[in-house]
Amino acid sequence: MLKLTARGLSHLEIAHRLGISEATVKTHLNRTMTQLGLDSRAQAVRIVYETGLMIPGG
């Protein structure tokens, strides 16, 4: 989900792609961000790239 968030997909777009509800996406992202100590989607995107989960342009 973090990778899809980093690609700029909305909660609804992520839900459609994964075949789950939008509420489930929000729950998972909120829990993940809380565990990582993140306050925003922008911070989540930064973490995705800094940790090497994705590379720019990849």
N, C-alpha and C. Protein backbone atom coordinates (compact mmCIF):
# COMPACT_ATOMS: atom_id res chain seq x y z
N MET A 1 0.81 -1.19 0.00
CA MET A 1 0.00 0.00 0.00
C MET A 1 0.85 1.26 0.00
N LEU A 2 1.96 1.21 0.70
CA LEU A 2 2.82 2.39 0.71
C LEU A 2 3.38 2.67 -0.68
N LYS A 3 3.69 1.63 -1.43
CA LYS A 3 4.20 1.83 -2.78
C LYS A 3 3.13 2.47 -3.67
N LEU A 4 1.90 2.02 -3.53
CA LEU A 4 0.81 2.60 -4.32
C LEU A 4 0.55 4.04 -3.90
N THR A 5 0.68 4.32 -2.63
CA THR A 5 0.55 5.68 -2.13
C THR A 5 1.65 6.56 -2.73
N ALA A 6 2.87 6.02 -2.76
CA ALA A 6 4.00 6.76 -3.31
C ALA A 6 3.82 7.05 -4.80
N ARG A 7 3.08 6.19 -5.48
CA ARG A 7 2.81 6.42 -6.90
C ARG A 7 1.71 7.46 -7.11
N GLY A 8 1.12 7.94 -6.02
CA GLY A 8 0.13 9.00 -6.11
C GLY A 8 -1.30 8.54 -6.21
N LEU A 9 -1.55 7.24 -5.99
CA LEU A 9 -2.92 6.74 -6.06
C LEU A 9 -3.72 7.19 -4.85
N SER A 10 -4.99 7.43 -5.07
CA SER A 10 -5.90 7.79 -3.98
C SER A 10 -6.29 6.52 -3.23
N HIS A 11 -6.94 6.71 -2.09
CA HIS A 11 -7.42 5.56 -1.32
C HIS A 11 -8.35 4.70 -2.18
N LEU A 12 -9.23 5.34 -2.91
CA LEU A 12 -10.19 4.62 -3.74
C LEU A 12 -9.47 3.84 -4.85
N GLU A 13 -8.48 4.46 -5.47
CA GLU A 13 -7.73 3.78 -6.53
C GLU A 13 -6.96 2.57 -5.98
N ILE A 14 -6.39 2.72 -4.80
CA ILE A 14 -5.68 1.61 -4.17
C ILE A 14 -6.66 0.49 -3.86
N ALA A 15 -7.82 0.85 -3.34
CA ALA A 15 -8.85 -0.15 -3.01
C ALA A 15 -9.25 -0.95 -4.24
N HIS A 16 -9.50 -0.27 -5.34
CA HIS A 16 -9.88 -0.96 -6.58
C HIS A 16 -8.76 -1.89 -7.05
N ARG A 17 -7.54 -1.41 -6.99
CA ARG A 17 -6.41 -2.20 -7.48
C ARG A 17 -6.19 -3.45 -6.64
N LEU A 18 -6.43 -3.34 -5.33
CA LEU A 18 -6.18 -4.47 -4.43
C LEU A 18 -7.43 -5.31 -4.17
N GLY A 19 -8.58 -4.84 -4.62
CA GLY A 19 -9.82 -5.59 -4.41
C GLY A 19 -10.30 -5.58 -2.98
N ILE A 20 -10.07 -4.47 -2.30
CA ILE A 20 -10.53 -4.30 -0.92
C ILE A 20 -11.31 -3.00 -0.82
N SER A 21 -11.91 -2.75 0.33
CA SER A 21 -12.69 -1.53 0.49
C SER A 21 -11.79 -0.33 0.75
N GLU A 22 -12.32 0.83 0.45
CA GLU A 22 -11.59 2.07 0.72
C GLU A 22 -11.33 2.23 2.21
N ALA A 23 -12.29 1.81 3.02
CA ALA A 23 -12.12 1.89 4.48
C ALA A 23 -10.96 1.02 4.95
N THR A 24 -10.79 -0.14 4.32
CA THR A 24 -9.68 -1.03 4.68
C THR A 24 -8.35 -0.38 4.31
N VAL A 25 -8.30 0.26 3.17
CA VAL A 25 -7.08 0.97 2.76
C VAL A 25 -6.74 2.03 3.79
N LYS A 26 -7.73 2.84 4.16
CA LYS A 26 -7.50 3.91 5.13
C LYS A 26 -7.00 3.35 6.46
N THR A 27 -7.62 2.25 6.90
CA THR A 27 -7.22 1.63 8.17
C THR A 27 -5.78 1.15 8.11
N HIS A 28 -5.43 0.43 7.05
CA HIS A 28 -4.07 -0.11 6.93
C HIS A 28 -3.05 1.02 6.83
N LEU A 29 -3.33 2.02 6.01
CA LEU A 29 -2.38 3.13 5.88
C LEU A 29 -2.22 3.88 7.20
N ASN A 30 -3.33 4.14 7.89
CA ASN A 30 -3.25 4.85 9.17
C ASN A 30 -2.44 4.07 10.18
N ARG A 31 -2.67 2.77 10.25
CA ARG A 31 -1.92 1.94 11.21
C ARG A 31 -0.45 1.88 10.85
N THR A 32 -0.15 1.72 9.58
CA THR A 32 1.24 1.68 9.13
C THR A 32 1.94 3.00 9.43
N MET A 33 1.28 4.09 9.11
CA MET A 33 1.87 5.41 9.35
C MET A 33 2.08 5.66 10.84
N THR A 34 1.14 5.20 11.66
CA THR A 34 1.29 5.36 13.11
C THR A 34 2.49 4.56 13.61
N GLN A 35 2.63 3.33 13.13
CA GLN A 35 3.74 2.49 13.55
C GLN A 35 5.08 3.08 13.13
N LEU A 36 5.09 3.76 11.99
CA LEU A 36 6.33 4.37 11.50
C LEU A 36 6.55 5.78 12.04
N GLY A 37 5.57 6.30 12.79
CA GLY A 37 5.69 7.64 13.35
C GLY A 37 5.54 8.74 12.32
N LEU A 38 4.73 8.49 11.29
CA LEU A 38 4.55 9.46 10.21
C LEU A 38 3.26 10.24 10.39
N ASP A 39 3.28 11.50 9.97
CA ASP A 39 2.12 12.37 10.12
C ASP A 39 1.39 12.65 8.81
N SER A 40 2.00 12.33 7.68
CA SER A 40 1.38 12.68 6.40
C SER A 40 1.75 11.68 5.31
N ARG A 41 0.96 11.72 4.24
CA ARG A 41 1.26 10.88 3.09
C ARG A 41 2.60 11.28 2.47
N ALA A 42 2.93 12.55 2.54
CA ALA A 42 4.21 13.02 2.00
C ALA A 42 5.38 12.35 2.73
N GLN A 43 5.27 12.23 4.03
CA GLN A 43 6.31 11.56 4.79
C GLN A 43 6.38 10.08 4.43
N ALA A 44 5.23 9.47 4.18
CA ALA A 44 5.21 8.06 3.78
C ALA A 44 5.92 7.87 2.44
N VAL A 45 5.67 8.78 1.52
CA VAL A 45 6.33 8.71 0.21
C VAL A 45 7.84 8.84 0.38
N ARG A 46 8.27 9.75 1.22
CA ARG A 46 9.70 9.94 1.47
C ARG A 46 10.32 8.65 2.01
N ILE A 47 9.64 8.00 2.95
CA ILE A 47 10.15 6.76 3.54
C ILE A 47 10.26 5.66 2.48
N VAL A 48 9.27 5.57 1.60
CA VAL A 48 9.28 4.56 0.54
C VAL A 48 10.54 4.69 -0.31
N TYR A 49 10.88 5.91 -0.67
CA TYR A 49 12.06 6.13 -1.51
C TYR A 49 13.36 6.01 -0.71
N GLU A 50 13.39 6.52 0.51
CA GLU A 50 14.61 6.47 1.31
C GLU A 50 15.00 5.05 1.69
N THR A 51 14.00 4.18 1.87
CA THR A 51 14.30 2.80 2.26
C THR A 51 14.55 1.90 1.06
N GLY A 52 14.36 2.43 -0.13
CA GLY A 52 14.61 1.65 -1.33
C GLY A 52 13.46 0.76 -1.77
N LEU A 53 12.28 0.93 -1.15
CA LEU A 53 11.11 0.16 -1.62
C LEU A 53 10.80 0.47 -3.06
N MET A 54 11.08 1.70 -3.47
CA MET A 54 10.91 2.12 -4.86
C MET A 54 12.09 3.02 -5.21
N ILE A 55 12.40 3.06 -6.49
CA ILE A 55 13.41 3.99 -6.95
C ILE A 55 12.74 5.02 -7.85
N PRO A 56 13.20 6.26 -7.83
CA PRO A 56 12.59 7.29 -8.67
C PRO A 56 12.55 6.84 -10.13
N GLY A 57 11.40 7.01 -10.74
CA GLY A 57 11.21 6.64 -12.14
C GLY A 57 10.97 5.16 -12.35
N GLY A 58 10.97 4.39 -11.25
CA GLY A 58 10.81 2.93 -11.37
C GLY A 58 9.43 2.43 -11.24
